[in-house]
C-alpha atoms as a PDB file:
ATOM      1  CA  MET A   1      48.180 111.308 138.943  1.00  0.00           C
ATOM      2  CA  ASN A   2      51.543 109.943 139.833  1.00  0.00           C
ATOM      3  CA  SER A   3      51.194 107.050 137.085  1.00  0.00           C
ATOM      4  CA  VAL A   4      50.005 109.507 134.651  1.00  0.00           C
ATOM      5  CA  LYS A   5      53.266 111.765 134.787  1.00  0.00           C
ATOM      6  CA  LEU A   6      55.672 109.372 134.483  1.00  0.00           C
ATOM      7  CA  TYR A   7      53.609 107.679 131.261  1.00  0.00           C
ATOM      8  CA  SER A   8      53.869 111.525 129.975  1.00  0.00           C
ATOM      9  CA  GLN A   9      57.664 111.919 130.813  1.00  0.00           C
ATOM     10  CA  GLY A  10      58.113 108.176 129.017  1.00  0.00           C
ATOM     11  CA  SER A  11      56.097 109.162 126.164  1.00  0.00           C
ATOM     12  CA  LEU A  12      58.089 112.857 126.152  1.00  0.00           C
ATOM     13  CA  LEU A  13      61.594 110.644 126.032  1.00  0.00           C
ATOM     14  CA  ARG A  14      60.509 108.209 123.360  1.00  0.00           C
ATOM     15  CA  THR A  15      59.501 110.881 121.429  1.00  0.00           C
ATOM     16  CA  ALA A  16      63.082 112.721 121.843  1.00  0.00           C
ATOM     17  CA  TRP A  17      64.769 109.492 121.149  1.00  0.00           C
ATOM     18  CA  CYS A  18      62.900 109.290 117.738  1.00  0.00           C
ATOM     19  CA  ARG A  19      63.486 112.876 116.896  1.00  0.00           C
ATOM     20  CA  TYR A  20      67.072 112.015 117.442  1.00  0.00           C
ATOM     21  CA  TYR A  21      67.440 108.689 115.218  1.00  0.00           C
ATOM     22  CA  ALA A  22      65.310 110.406 112.827  1.00  0.00           C
ATOM     23  CA  THR A  23      67.691 113.459 112.109  1.00  0.00           C
ATOM     24  CA  ALA A  24      71.594 111.348 113.213  1.00  0.00           C
ATOM     25  CA  VAL A  25      73.925 112.166 110.425  1.00  0.00           C
ATOM     26  CA  LYS A  26      73.823 108.119 108.521  1.00  0.00           C
ATOM     27  CA  PRO A  27      77.004 107.294 106.633  1.00  0.00           C
ATOM     28  CA  ASP A  28      77.229 107.602 102.988  1.00  0.00           C
ATOM     29  CA  ILE A  29      77.169 103.973 101.433  1.00  0.00           C
ATOM     30  CA  LYS A  30      79.610 104.749  98.781  1.00  0.00           C
ATOM     31  CA  LEU A  31      82.144 106.654 101.067  1.00  0.00           C
ATOM     32  CA  LEU A  32      82.294 104.195 103.662  1.00  0.00           C
ATOM     33  CA  SER A  33      83.099 102.136 101.235  1.00  0.00           C
ATOM     34  CA  LYS A  34      86.170 104.294  99.690  1.00  0.00           C
ATOM     35  CA  LEU A  35      87.209 104.813 103.100  1.00  0.00           C
ATOM     36  CA  ARG A  36      87.819 101.561 104.432  1.00  0.00           C
ATOM     37  CA  LYS A  37      89.598 100.539 100.941  1.00  0.00           C
ATOM     38  CA  GLU A  38      91.561 103.345 101.715  1.00  0.00           C
ATOM     39  CA  THR A  39      92.534 102.917 105.446  1.00  0.00           C
ATOM     40  CA  GLU A  40      91.843  99.282 105.984  1.00  0.00           C
ATOM     41  CA  VAL A  41      89.648 100.270 109.444  1.00  0.00           C
ATOM     42  CA  SER A  42      86.738  97.952 110.198  1.00  0.00           C
ATOM     43  CA  MET A  43      83.465  98.728 109.880  1.00  0.00           C
ATOM     44  CA  THR A  44      82.369 100.497 113.289  1.00  0.00           C
ATOM     45  CA  LYS A  45      85.622 102.298 112.818  1.00  0.00           C
ATOM     46  CA  ALA A  46      84.788 104.283 109.529  1.00  0.00           C
ATOM     47  CA  LYS A  47      81.014 104.393 110.685  1.00  0.00           C
ATOM     48  CA  GLU A  48      82.460 106.775 113.479  1.00  0.00           C
ATOM     49  CA  ALA A  49      84.391 109.169 111.232  1.00  0.00           C
ATOM     50  CA  LEU A  50      82.041 109.824 108.585  1.00  0.00           C
ATOM     51  CA  VAL A  51      78.930 110.140 111.328  1.00  0.00           C
ATOM     52  CA  LYS A  52      81.163 111.956 113.550  1.00  0.00           C
ATOM     53  CA  HIS A  53      82.246 114.860 110.027  1.00  0.00           C
ATOM     54  CA  ASN A  54      78.720 114.959 108.483  1.00  0.00           C
ATOM     55  CA  ASN A  55      79.676 112.678 105.567  1.00  0.00           C
ATOM     56  CA  ASP A  56      83.010 115.324 104.702  1.00  0.00           C
ATOM     57  CA  TYR A  57      85.201 112.674 103.222  1.00  0.00           C
ATOM     58  CA  GLU A  58      88.518 114.568 104.043  1.00  0.00           C
ATOM     59  CA  GLN A  59      87.750 115.899 107.129  1.00  0.00           C
ATOM     60  CA  ALA A  60      86.743 111.551 108.107  1.00  0.00           C
ATOM     61  CA  LEU A  61      90.097 110.600 106.540  1.00  0.00           C
ATOM     62  CA  ALA A  62      92.244 113.018 108.472  1.00  0.00           C
ATOM     63  CA  TRP A  63      90.159 111.914 111.731  1.00  0.00           C
ATOM     64  CA  LEU A  64      90.791 108.345 111.104  1.00  0.00           C
ATOM     65  CA  ALA A  65      94.798 109.064 111.134  1.00  0.00           C
ATOM     66  CA  GLN A  66      95.187 110.820 114.020  1.00  0.00           C
ATOM     67  CA  ASP A  67      93.093 108.597 115.590  1.00  0.00           C
ATOM     68  CA  ALA A  68      95.460 105.718 114.205  1.00  0.00           C
ATOM     69  CA  GLN A  69      98.808 107.678 115.080  1.00  0.00           C
ATOM     70  CA  ALA A  70      97.360 107.750 118.470  1.00  0.00           C
ATOM     71  CA  SER A  71      96.322 103.719 119.222  1.00  0.00           C
ATOM     72  CA  GLY A  72      99.250 102.736 117.138  1.00  0.00           C
ATOM     73  CA  ALA A  73     101.755 105.026 119.847  1.00  0.00           C
ATOM     74  CA  LYS A  74     100.001 103.939 122.233  1.00  0.00           C
ATOM     75  CA  LYS A  75     100.737 100.412 121.143  1.00  0.00           C
ATOM     76  CA  ALA A  76     103.973 100.695 120.182  1.00  0.00           C
ATOM     77  CA  GLN A  77     104.821 101.710 123.771  1.00  0.00           C
ATOM     78  CA  LYS A  78     103.664  98.621 124.952  1.00  0.00           C
ATOM     79  CA  VAL A  79     105.242  96.370 123.145  1.00  0.00           C
ATOM     80  CA  ALA A  80     108.336  97.894 122.648  1.00  0.00           C
ATOM     81  CA  GLY A  81     110.253  95.279 124.828  1.00  0.00           C
ATOM     82  CA  ARG A  82     109.399  92.062 123.153  1.00  0.00           C
ATOM     83  CA  THR A  83     111.603  90.615 120.505  1.00  0.00           C
ATOM     84  CA  ALA A  84     110.381  90.903 116.600  1.00  0.00           C
ATOM     85  CA  ALA A  85     112.615  88.210 114.728  1.00  0.00           C
ATOM     86  CA  GLU A  86     109.775  87.036 112.031  1.00  0.00           C
ATOM     87  CA  GLY A  87     108.863  89.507 109.103  1.00  0.00           C
ATOM     88  CA  LEU A  88     109.556  90.328 105.322  1.00  0.00           C
ATOM     89  CA  ILE A  89     113.107  90.957 103.364  1.00  0.00           C
ATOM     90  CA  SER A  90     112.136  93.243  99.814  1.00  0.00           C
ATOM     91  CA  ILE A  91     113.640  94.455  97.100  1.00  0.00           C
ATOM     92  CA  ALA A  92     112.802  96.973  94.279  1.00  0.00           C
ATOM     93  CA  SER A  93     114.846  97.861  91.442  1.00  0.00           C
ATOM     94  CA  VAL A  94     114.016 100.576  89.101  1.00  0.00           C
ATOM     95  CA  ASN A  95     115.911 101.488  85.429  1.00  0.00           C
ATOM     96  CA  VAL A  96     116.217 104.639  84.537  1.00  0.00           C
ATOM     97  CA  PRO A  97     117.488 106.953  81.506  1.00  0.00           C
ATOM     98  CA  SER A  98     121.081 108.227  81.793  1.00  0.00           C
ATOM     99  CA  ALA A  99     122.971 111.308  81.148  1.00  0.00           C
ATOM    100  CA  ALA A 100     124.255 109.428  77.728  1.00  0.00           C
ATOM    101  CA  ALA A 101     121.725 110.174  74.981  1.00  0.00           C
ATOM    102  CA  GLY A 102     119.910 106.470  74.650  1.00  0.00           C
ATOM    103  CA  GLY A 103     122.425 105.415  77.921  1.00  0.00           C
ATOM    104  CA  PHE A 104     121.298 102.825  80.827  1.00  0.00           C
ATOM    105  CA  LYS A 105     121.499 103.511  84.488  1.00  0.00           C
ATOM    106  CA  SER A 106     119.488 100.864  87.051  1.00  0.00           C
ATOM    107  CA  LYS A 107     118.966 100.831  91.158  1.00  0.00           C
ATOM    108  CA  SER A 108     117.692  98.401  93.230  1.00  0.00           C
ATOM    109  CA  THR A 109     117.634  98.034  96.829  1.00  0.00           C
ATOM    110  CA  ILE A 110     116.956  95.912  99.470  1.00  0.00           C
ATOM    111  CA  ILE A 111     115.629  96.119 103.363  1.00  0.00           C
ATOM    112  CA  GLU A 112     114.187  94.141 106.512  1.00  0.00           C
ATOM    113  CA  LEU A 113     111.270  94.719 108.242  1.00  0.00           C
ATOM    114  CA  ASN A 114     110.718  92.758 111.246  1.00  0.00           C
ATOM    115  CA  CYS A 115     107.317  92.180 113.195  1.00  0.00           C
ATOM    116  CA  GLU A 116     107.031  89.451 116.139  1.00  0.00           C
ATOM    117  CA  THR A 117     105.081  86.032 114.589  1.00  0.00           C
ATOM    118  CA  ASP A 118     105.302  84.652 111.437  1.00  0.00           C
ATOM    119  CA  PHE A 119     101.523  85.280 111.064  1.00  0.00           C
ATOM    120  CA  VAL A 120     101.925  88.563 110.877  1.00  0.00           C
ATOM    121  CA  SER A 121     103.905  88.960 108.227  1.00  0.00           C
ATOM    122  CA  ARG A 122     102.085  87.167 105.901  1.00  0.00           C
ATOM    123  CA  ASN A 123      99.365  90.118 106.687  1.00  0.00           C
ATOM    124  CA  ASP A 124      99.058  92.563 103.166  1.00  0.00           C
ATOM    125  CA  VAL A 125      98.806  95.449 105.208  1.00  0.00           C
ATOM    126  CA  PHE A 126     102.269  94.073 106.529  1.00  0.00           C
ATOM    127  CA  LYS A 127     103.711  92.810 103.276  1.00  0.00           C
ATOM    128  CA  HIS A 128     102.593  96.403 101.494  1.00  0.00           C
ATOM    129  CA  LEU A 129     104.238  98.351 104.306  1.00  0.00           C
ATOM    130  CA  ALA A 130     107.532  96.441 103.642  1.00  0.00           C
ATOM    131  CA  SER A 131     107.814  96.598  99.764  1.00  0.00           C
ATOM    132  CA  ARG A 132     106.627 100.625  99.942  1.00  0.00           C
ATOM    133  CA  ILE A 133     109.885 100.935 102.258  1.00  0.00           C
ATOM    134  CA  ALA A 134     112.245  99.425  99.730  1.00  0.00           C
ATOM    135  CA  ALA A 135     110.382 101.519  97.134  1.00  0.00           C
ATOM    136  CA  THR A 136     111.222 104.820  99.052  1.00  0.00           C
ATOM    137  CA  SER A 137     115.165 103.320 100.108  1.00  0.00           C
ATOM    138  CA  LEU A 138     115.223 103.405  96.322  1.00  0.00           C
ATOM    139  CA  LEU A 139     113.991 106.567  95.415  1.00  0.00           C
ATOM    140  CA  LEU A 140     115.113 108.361  97.455  1.00  0.00           C
ATOM    141  CA  HIS A 141     118.866 107.621  98.435  1.00  0.00           C
ATOM    142  CA  GLU A 142     121.807 109.416  97.259  1.00  0.00           C
ATOM    143  CA  PRO A 143     124.562 108.016  96.755  1.00  0.00           C
ATOM    144  CA  SER A 144     127.222 108.641  99.327  1.00  0.00           C
ATOM    145  CA  SER A 145     130.498 110.196  98.217  1.00  0.00           C
ATOM    146  CA  VAL A 146     132.566 108.138 100.176  1.00  0.00           C
ATOM    147  CA  GLN A 147     131.579 104.418  99.873  1.00  0.00           C
ATOM    148  CA  LYS A 148     133.771 101.780  99.041  1.00  0.00           C
ATOM    149  CA  ARG A 149     131.673  99.551  97.368  1.00  0.00           C
ATOM    150  CA  PRO A 150     128.980  99.062  95.132  1.00  0.00           C
ATOM    151  CA  ILE A 151     126.414  98.008  97.331  1.00  0.00           C
ATOM    152  CA  GLU A 152     125.576 100.837 100.451  1.00  0.00           C
ATOM    153  CA  ASN A 153     123.905 100.611 103.811  1.00  0.00           C
ATOM    154  CA  ILE A 154     122.130 103.234 104.583  1.00  0.00           C
ATOM    155  CA  SER A 155     120.965 104.603 107.485  1.00  0.00           C
ATOM    156  CA  VAL A 156     118.006 103.635 109.515  1.00  0.00           C
ATOM    157  CA  GLU A 157     117.389 106.313 111.882  1.00  0.00           C
ATOM    158  CA  ASP A 158     117.361 108.903 108.563  1.00  0.00           C
ATOM    159  CA  LEU A 159     114.529 107.136 106.186  1.00  0.00           C
ATOM    160  CA  LEU A 160     112.511 106.378 108.951  1.00  0.00           C
ATOM    161  CA  LYS A 161     111.718 110.007 108.359  1.00  0.00           C
ATOM    162  CA  ALA A 162     111.893 109.798 104.371  1.00  0.00           C
ATOM    163  CA  PRO A 163     107.326 110.316 103.409  1.00  0.00           C
ATOM    164  CA  LEU A 164     106.407 106.620 101.880  1.00  0.00           C
ATOM    165  CA  MET A 165     105.862 106.043  98.772  1.00  0.00           C
ATOM    166  CA  PRO A 166     104.358 103.506  96.649  1.00  0.00           C
ATOM    167  CA  HIS A 167     106.530 100.548  94.891  1.00  0.00           C
ATOM    168  CA  PRO A 168     107.478 100.788  91.200  1.00  0.00           C
ATOM    169  CA  ASP A 169     105.688  97.870  90.476  1.00  0.00           C
ATOM    170  CA  GLN A 170     102.298  98.687  92.852  1.00  0.00           C
ATOM    171  CA  LYS A 171      99.651 101.080  92.502  1.00  0.00           C
ATOM    172  CA  ASP A 172      99.790 105.060  93.430  1.00  0.00           C
ATOM    173  CA  SER A 173      98.650 104.994  97.615  1.00  0.00           C
ATOM    174  CA  ALA A 174      96.471 107.679  98.637  1.00  0.00           C
ATOM    175  CA  ASP A 175      98.110 108.307 101.808  1.00  0.00           C
ATOM    176  CA  ILE A 176     101.752 109.309 100.261  1.00  0.00           C
ATOM    177  CA  GLY A 177     102.964 112.152 102.951  1.00  0.00           C
ATOM    178  CA  LYS A 178     103.205 109.951 106.282  1.00  0.00           C
ATOM    179  CA  SER A 179     106.835 109.577 107.127  1.00  0.00           C
ATOM    180  CA  ILE A 180     108.084 105.885 107.051  1.00  0.00           C
ATOM    181  CA  GLU A 181     107.901 106.073 110.948  1.00  0.00           C
ATOM    182  CA  GLU A 182     104.347 107.075 111.551  1.00  0.00           C
ATOM    183  CA  SER A 183     103.346 104.242 109.063  1.00  0.00           C
ATOM    184  CA  ILE A 184     104.988 102.090 111.288  1.00  0.00           C
ATOM    185  CA  VAL A 185     103.509 103.502 114.236  1.00  0.00           C
ATOM    186  CA  GLU A 186     100.009 102.981 112.316  1.00  0.00           C
ATOM    187  CA  ALA A 187     100.896  99.384 111.436  1.00  0.00           C
ATOM    188  CA  ILE A 188     101.137  98.298 115.075  1.00  0.00           C
ATOM    189  CA  GLY A 189      97.722  99.672 115.471  1.00  0.00           C
ATOM    190  CA  LYS A 190      96.412  98.025 113.487  1.00  0.00           C
ATOM    191  CA  LEU A 191      98.357  94.732 114.066  1.00  0.00           C
ATOM    192  CA  GLY A 192      99.269  94.386 117.727  1.00  0.00           C
ATOM    193  CA  GLU A 193     102.686  94.027 117.142  1.00  0.00           C
ATOM    194  CA  LYS A 194     106.366  95.405 117.895  1.00  0.00           C
ATOM    195  CA  ILE A 195     107.312  96.475 113.990  1.00  0.00           C
ATOM    196  CA  THR A 196     111.031  97.544 113.345  1.00  0.00           C
ATOM    197  CA  LEU A 197     113.014  98.677 109.993  1.00  0.00           C
ATOM    198  CA  ARG A 198     116.436  96.994 111.268  1.00  0.00           C
ATOM    199  CA  ARG A 199     118.225  96.954 107.578  1.00  0.00           C
ATOM    200  CA  VAL A 200     118.911  98.628 104.779  1.00  0.00           C
ATOM    201  CA  ALA A 201     121.322  98.904 101.731  1.00  0.00           C
ATOM    202  CA  VAL A 202     121.045 100.517  98.153  1.00  0.00           C
ATOM    203  CA  VAL A 203     123.207  99.976  95.263  1.00  0.00           C
ATOM    204  CA  ALA A 204     124.889 103.114  94.306  1.00  0.00           C
ATOM    205  CA  ASP A 205     126.504 102.000  91.083  1.00  0.00           C
ATOM    206  CA  GLY A 206     126.831  99.463  88.430  1.00  0.00           C
ATOM    207  CA  VAL A 207     123.824  97.160  86.783  1.00  0.00           C
ATOM    208  CA  SER A 208     121.733  95.719  89.789  1.00  0.00           C
ATOM    209  CA  ALA A 209     119.391  93.163  90.156  1.00  0.00           C
ATOM    210  CA  GLY A 210     117.361  91.704  92.928  1.00  0.00           C
ATOM    211  CA  TYR A 211     115.776  88.369  94.027  1.00  0.00           C
ATOM    212  CA  VAL A 212     113.788  87.164  96.867  1.00  0.00           C
ATOM    213  CA  HIS A 213     112.390  83.498  98.060  1.00  0.00           C
ATOM    214  CA  GLY A 214     109.518  82.492 100.140  1.00  0.00           C
ATOM    215  CA  GLY A 215     107.131  85.026  99.285  1.00  0.00           C
ATOM    216  CA  ASP A 216     106.356  86.960  96.252  1.00  0.00           C
ATOM    217  CA  ALA A 217     108.148  89.117  93.588  1.00  0.00           C
ATOM    218  CA  VAL A 218     109.111  91.587  96.174  1.00  0.00           C
ATOM    219  CA  THR A 219     108.955  90.089  99.131  1.00  0.00           C
ATOM    220  CA  GLY A 220     110.080  87.080 100.925  1.00  0.00           C
ATOM    221  CA  LYS A 221     112.286  85.223 104.107  1.00  0.00           C
ATOM    222  CA  MET A 222     115.589  85.953 102.221  1.00  0.00           C
ATOM    223  CA  GLY A 223     116.547  87.981  99.431  1.00  0.00           C
ATOM    224  CA  GLY A 224     119.860  88.918  97.902  1.00  0.00           C
ATOM    225  CA  LEU A 225     121.101  92.167  95.085  1.00  0.00           C
ATOM    226  CA  ALA A 226     123.986  91.242  92.610  1.00  0.00           C
ATOM    227  CA  VAL A 227     125.794  94.047  90.805  1.00  0.00           C
ATOM    228  CA  LEU A 228     127.209  93.580  88.059  1.00  0.00           C
ATOM    229  CA  GLU A 229     130.453  96.305  85.519  1.00  0.00           C
ATOM    230  CA  PRO A 230     130.294  96.247  81.964  1.00  0.00           C
ATOM    231  CA  LEU A 231     134.512  95.498  81.579  1.00  0.00           C
ATOM    232  CA  LYS A 232     135.329  97.928  78.571  1.00  0.00           C
ATOM    233  CA  VAL A 233     131.930 100.745  79.776  1.00  0.00           C
ATOM    234  CA  THR A 234     131.080 102.172  82.060  1.00  0.00           C
ATOM    235  CA  ALA A 235     127.377 100.821  83.257  1.00  0.00           C
ATOM    236  CA  SER A 236     125.858 104.596  82.289  1.00  0.00           C
ATOM    237  CA  GLU A 237     127.535 104.797  79.097  1.00  0.00           C
ATOM    238  CA  LEU A 238     125.564 100.904  77.985  1.00  0.00           C
ATOM    239  CA  GLN A 239     122.751 101.402  75.541  1.00  0.00           C
ATOM    240  CA  ALA A 240     119.229 100.775  77.170  1.00  0.00           C
ATOM    241  CA  SER A 241     118.808  97.444  75.365  1.00  0.00           C
ATOM    242  CA  SER A 242     122.249  96.285  76.643  1.00  0.00           C
ATOM    243  CA  GLY A 243     121.316  97.366  80.082  1.00  0.00           C
ATOM    244  CA  GLU A 244     118.363  95.504  80.530  1.00  0.00           C
ATOM    245  CA  ALA A 245     119.613  92.279  79.939  1.00  0.00           C
ATOM    246  CA  LEU A 246     122.594  92.483  81.365  1.00  0.00           C
ATOM    247  CA  ALA A 247     120.075  93.159  84.673  1.00  0.00           C
ATOM    248  CA  LYS A 248     117.769  89.993  83.638  1.00  0.00           C
ATOM    249  CA  CYS A 249     121.561  88.593  84.403  1.00  0.00           C
ATOM    250  CA  ALA A 250     121.785  90.129  87.399  1.00  0.00           C
ATOM    251  CA  ARG A 251     118.913  88.679  88.795  1.00  0.00           C
ATOM    252  CA  GLN A 252     120.089  85.808  88.027  1.00  0.00           C
ATOM    253  CA  VAL A 253     123.245  85.973  89.593  1.00  0.00           C
ATOM    254  CA  ALA A 254     120.960  87.520  92.546  1.00  0.00           C
ATOM    255  CA  ARG A 255     118.779  83.789  92.629  1.00  0.00           C
ATOM    256  CA  GLN A 256     122.176  81.821  93.027  1.00  0.00           C
ATOM    257  CA  VAL A 257     123.221  84.560  95.785  1.00  0.00           C
ATOM    258  CA  VAL A 258     119.886  83.488  98.167  1.00  0.00           C
ATOM    259  CA  GLY A 259     119.730  79.755  96.531  1.00  0.00           C
ATOM    260  CA  PHE A 260     123.434  78.701  97.095  1.00  0.00           C
ATOM    261  CA  SER A 261     124.653  81.900 100.080  1.00  0.00           C
ATOM    262  CA  PRO A 262     128.367  82.107  99.134  1.00  0.00           C
ATOM    263  CA  SER A 263     130.634  83.393 101.399  1.00  0.00           C
ATOM    264  CA  TYR A 264     133.078  85.364  99.572  1.00  0.00           C
ATOM    265  CA  LEU A 265     133.089  87.275  95.588  1.00  0.00           C
ATOM    266  CA  HIS A 266     136.235  85.918  94.647  1.00  0.00           C
ATOM    267  CA  ALA A 267     138.468  83.082  94.853  1.00  0.00           C
ATOM    268  CA  ASP A 268     141.276  86.122  96.178  1.00  0.00           C
ATOM    269  CA  ASP A 269     138.891  86.885  98.843  1.00  0.00           C
ATOM    270  CA  VAL A 270     139.141  84.130 101.170  1.00  0.00           C
ATOM    271  CA  PRO A 271     141.687  83.549 103.898  1.00  0.00           C
ATOM    272  CA  LYS A 272     145.079  81.865 103.612  1.00  0.00           C
ATOM    273  CA  ASP A 273     144.172  79.751 106.527  1.00  0.00           C
ATOM    274  CA  VAL A 274     140.607  78.514 105.360  1.00  0.00           C
ATOM    275  CA  LEU A 275     142.337  77.641 102.044  1.00  0.00           C
ATOM    276  CA  GLU A 276     145.182  75.403 103.835  1.00  0.00           C
ATOM    277  CA  SER A 277     142.737  73.623 105.990  1.00  0.00           C
ATOM    278  CA  GLN A 278     140.671  71.732 103.334  1.00  0.00           C
ATOM    279  CA  SER A 279     141.159  68.874 102.117  1.00  0.00           C
ATOM    280  CA  ASP A 280     139.922  69.921  98.809  1.00  0.00           C
ATOM    281  CA  ARG A 281     141.007  73.319  98.209  1.00  0.00           C
ATOM    282  CA  ASP A 282     139.082  73.508  94.330  1.00  0.00           C
ATOM    283  CA  GLU A 283     136.096  71.828  95.741  1.00  0.00           C
ATOM    284  CA  ASN A 284     135.505  74.849  98.718  1.00  0.00           C
ATOM    285  CA  LEU A 285     136.067  77.580  95.902  1.00  0.00           C
ATOM    286  CA  ARG A 286     133.308  75.791  94.146  1.00  0.00           C
ATOM    287  CA  SER A 287     131.081  75.726  96.882  1.00  0.00           C
ATOM    288  CA  ASN A 288     131.780  78.972  98.872  1.00  0.00           C
ATOM    289  CA  VAL A 289     132.703  81.112  96.627  1.00  0.00           C
ATOM    290  CA  LEU A 290     130.123  82.834  93.803  1.00  0.00           C
ATOM    291  CA  ASN A 291     132.350  83.599  90.824  1.00  0.00           C
ATOM    292  CA  GLU A 292     133.476  80.089  91.175  1.00  0.00           C
ATOM    293  CA  MET A 293     130.656  78.602  91.339  1.00  0.00           C
ATOM    294  CA  GLY A 294     128.570  76.764  88.452  1.00  0.00           C
ATOM    295  CA  TYR A 295     125.794  78.721  86.995  1.00  0.00           C
ATOM    296  CA  LEU A 296     122.541  77.320  88.802  1.00  0.00           C
ATOM    297  CA  LEU A 297     120.909  76.898  85.199  1.00  0.00           C
ATOM    298  CA  LYS A 298     124.438  75.670  83.277  1.00  0.00           C
ATOM    299  CA  PRO A 299     126.260  74.242  85.324  1.00  0.00           C
ATOM    300  CA  ASP A 300     129.147  73.618  83.678  1.00  0.00           C
ATOM    301  CA  GLN A 301     129.866  77.144  83.433  1.00  0.00           C
ATOM    302  CA  THR A 302     130.951  79.447  86.704  1.00  0.00           C
ATOM    303  CA  VAL A 303     129.243  82.322  87.578  1.00  0.00           C
ATOM    304  CA  ALA A 304     131.539  84.693  86.205  1.00  0.00           C
ATOM    305  CA  GLU A 305     131.862  82.868  82.527  1.00  0.00           C
ATOM    306  CA  PHE A 306     128.173  83.083  82.253  1.00  0.00           C
ATOM    307  CA  VAL A 307     128.231  86.802  83.065  1.00  0.00           C
ATOM    308  CA  ASN A 308     131.022  87.767  80.754  1.00  0.00           C
ATOM    309  CA  GLN A 309     129.156  85.385  78.190  1.00  0.00           C
ATOM    310  CA  SER A 310     125.612  86.800  78.609  1.00  0.00           C
ATOM    311  CA  ALA A 311     127.256  90.617  78.667  1.00  0.00           C
ATOM    312  CA  LYS A 312     128.906  89.636  74.935  1.00  0.00           C
ATOM    313  CA  ASP A 313     125.989  88.220  73.574  1.00  0.00           C
ATOM    314  CA  THR A 314     124.126  91.635  74.528  1.00  0.00           C
ATOM    315  CA  GLY A 315     126.983  93.696  71.939  1.00  0.00           C
ATOM    316  CA  VAL A 316     129.437  94.125  75.209  1.00  0.00           C
ATOM    317  CA  GLU A 317     132.755  93.195  76.371  1.00  0.00           C
ATOM    318  CA  GLY A 318     131.951  91.143  78.842  1.00  0.00           C
ATOM    319  CA  ALA A 319     131.337  92.465  82.691  1.00  0.00           C
ATOM    320  CA  ALA A 320     131.620  91.317  85.682  1.00  0.00           C
ATOM    321  CA  VAL A 321     130.256  90.167  89.346  1.00  0.00           C
ATOM    322  CA  VAL A 322     131.381  92.980  91.304  1.00  0.00           C
ATOM    323  CA  ASP A 323     129.732  93.088  94.450  1.00  0.00           C
ATOM    324  CA  TYR A 324     126.197  91.186  96.482  1.00  0.00           C
ATOM    325  CA  VAL A 325     124.224  90.493  99.360  1.00  0.00           C
ATOM    326  CA  ARG A 326     122.316  87.790 100.569  1.00  0.00           C
ATOM    327  CA  TRP A 327     119.817  88.846 103.771  1.00  0.00           C
ATOM    328  CA  GLN A 328     117.715  86.267 105.638  1.00  0.00           C
ATOM    329  CA  VAL A 329     115.157  87.338 107.903  1.00  0.00           C
ATOM    330  CA  GLY A 330     115.993  87.492 111.607  1.00  0.00           C
ATOM    331  CA  GLU A 331     119.451  86.413 111.634  1.00  0.00           C
ATOM    332  CA  GLY A 332     121.624  87.313 114.309  1.00  0.00           C
ATOM    333  CA  ILE A 333     118.457  88.152 116.696  1.00  0.00           C
ATOM    334  CA  GLU A 334     118.332  86.074 119.408  1.00  0.00           C
ATOM    335  CA  LYS A 335     114.992  85.001 119.253  1.00  0.00           C
ATOM    336  CA  ARG A 336     113.355  83.452 122.783  1.00  0.00           C
ATOM    337  CA  GLU A 337     111.613  80.165 122.618  1.00  0.00           C
ATOM    338  CA  ASN A 338     108.751  81.460 125.033  1.00  0.00           C
ATOM    339  CA  ASP A 339     108.161  84.300 122.968  1.00  0.00           C
ATOM    340  CA  PHE A 340     104.996  82.707 121.040  1.00  0.00           C
ATOM    341  CA  ALA A 341     103.532  81.085 124.067  1.00  0.00           C
ATOM    342  CA  ASP A 342     103.533  84.615 125.592  1.00  0.00           C
ATOM    343  CA  GLU A 343     101.972  85.852 122.978  1.00  0.00           C
ATOM    344  CA  VAL A 344      99.056  83.833 123.215  1.00  0.00           C
ATOM    345  CA  ALA A 345      98.402  83.912 126.494  1.00  0.00           C
ATOM    346  CA  ARG A 346      98.188  87.532 125.915  1.00  0.00           C
ATOM    347  CA  THR A 347      96.173  87.295 123.367  1.00  0.00           C
ATOM    348  CA  VAL A 348      93.873  85.162 125.666  1.00  0.00           C
ATOM    349  CA  ARG A 349      94.392  87.786 128.443  1.00  0.00           C
ATOM    350  CA  GLY A 350      92.805  90.538 125.843  1.00  0.00           C
ATOM    351  CA  ASN A 351      96.812  92.223 126.434  1.00  0.00           C
END
């Protein structure tokens, strides 16, 4: 009798399970593919989101965003004490119409986003995040009324609160609206490393462009900005064709800045005691002063001569380099030698 009862109960249990699996929500394949492409989550997590919300795509997307924030915040707290000395430099530039009819205006920016390892810096999630932060600083920045130079450092704390925007050279992203800080937290959850926005600078005036090396067109291990000013008119008074030509010239100067790492812009900027300590004053100027350097593609011309002649070739009565900046990932950050060994050990332990 007991065996009959047990058999009967077992049969009922199997029937219940069969009914459950027969009626349980199955993830829509097209929605699953779309969700994974948009969020870059795992297959398991995407399935869970769709099943939980009966294939309602918007609800699944919202749930994944909340889940990413929660897991990212937890991971961020865990990695807060680690050193983030790797990462990427990212640049963005855009040419926009000025108030003058047919006029020209350019804006450029440079940022440094840090992580713990070079491996993570080469991840697409990290690269896209860096380029979009650069774009956001470019699009949202308003020049200060008290800036003392064309290239202006801006507040990282303020920028972190801004909504993350797409890069002008990349397709629109669907997750516009999240703040930069929220996006960094999500990236920490996905990549498992400390990620920090270290510094940001934006060109507030002049004709500008940037260049990065050691990566792709908008991210790399070192980068720079260069700013030119026409001599007889303001930048906003330039015709669009002349402005575009000068912006290309500015990019070449930025490339020179990244490749040759000048210490000064003008000869007058070099401290007198530094010059007096050199056995060959002229050689020192050619090696350390941007405007005195031989231009990389025409060494018989100085950078100053190249810029001035390039402006004249476009119908502008000369131009000059008025500012530049060069950054390299991790410079000035004290890097512990055992950071990588610690990371491997943590990975093995599953921490």
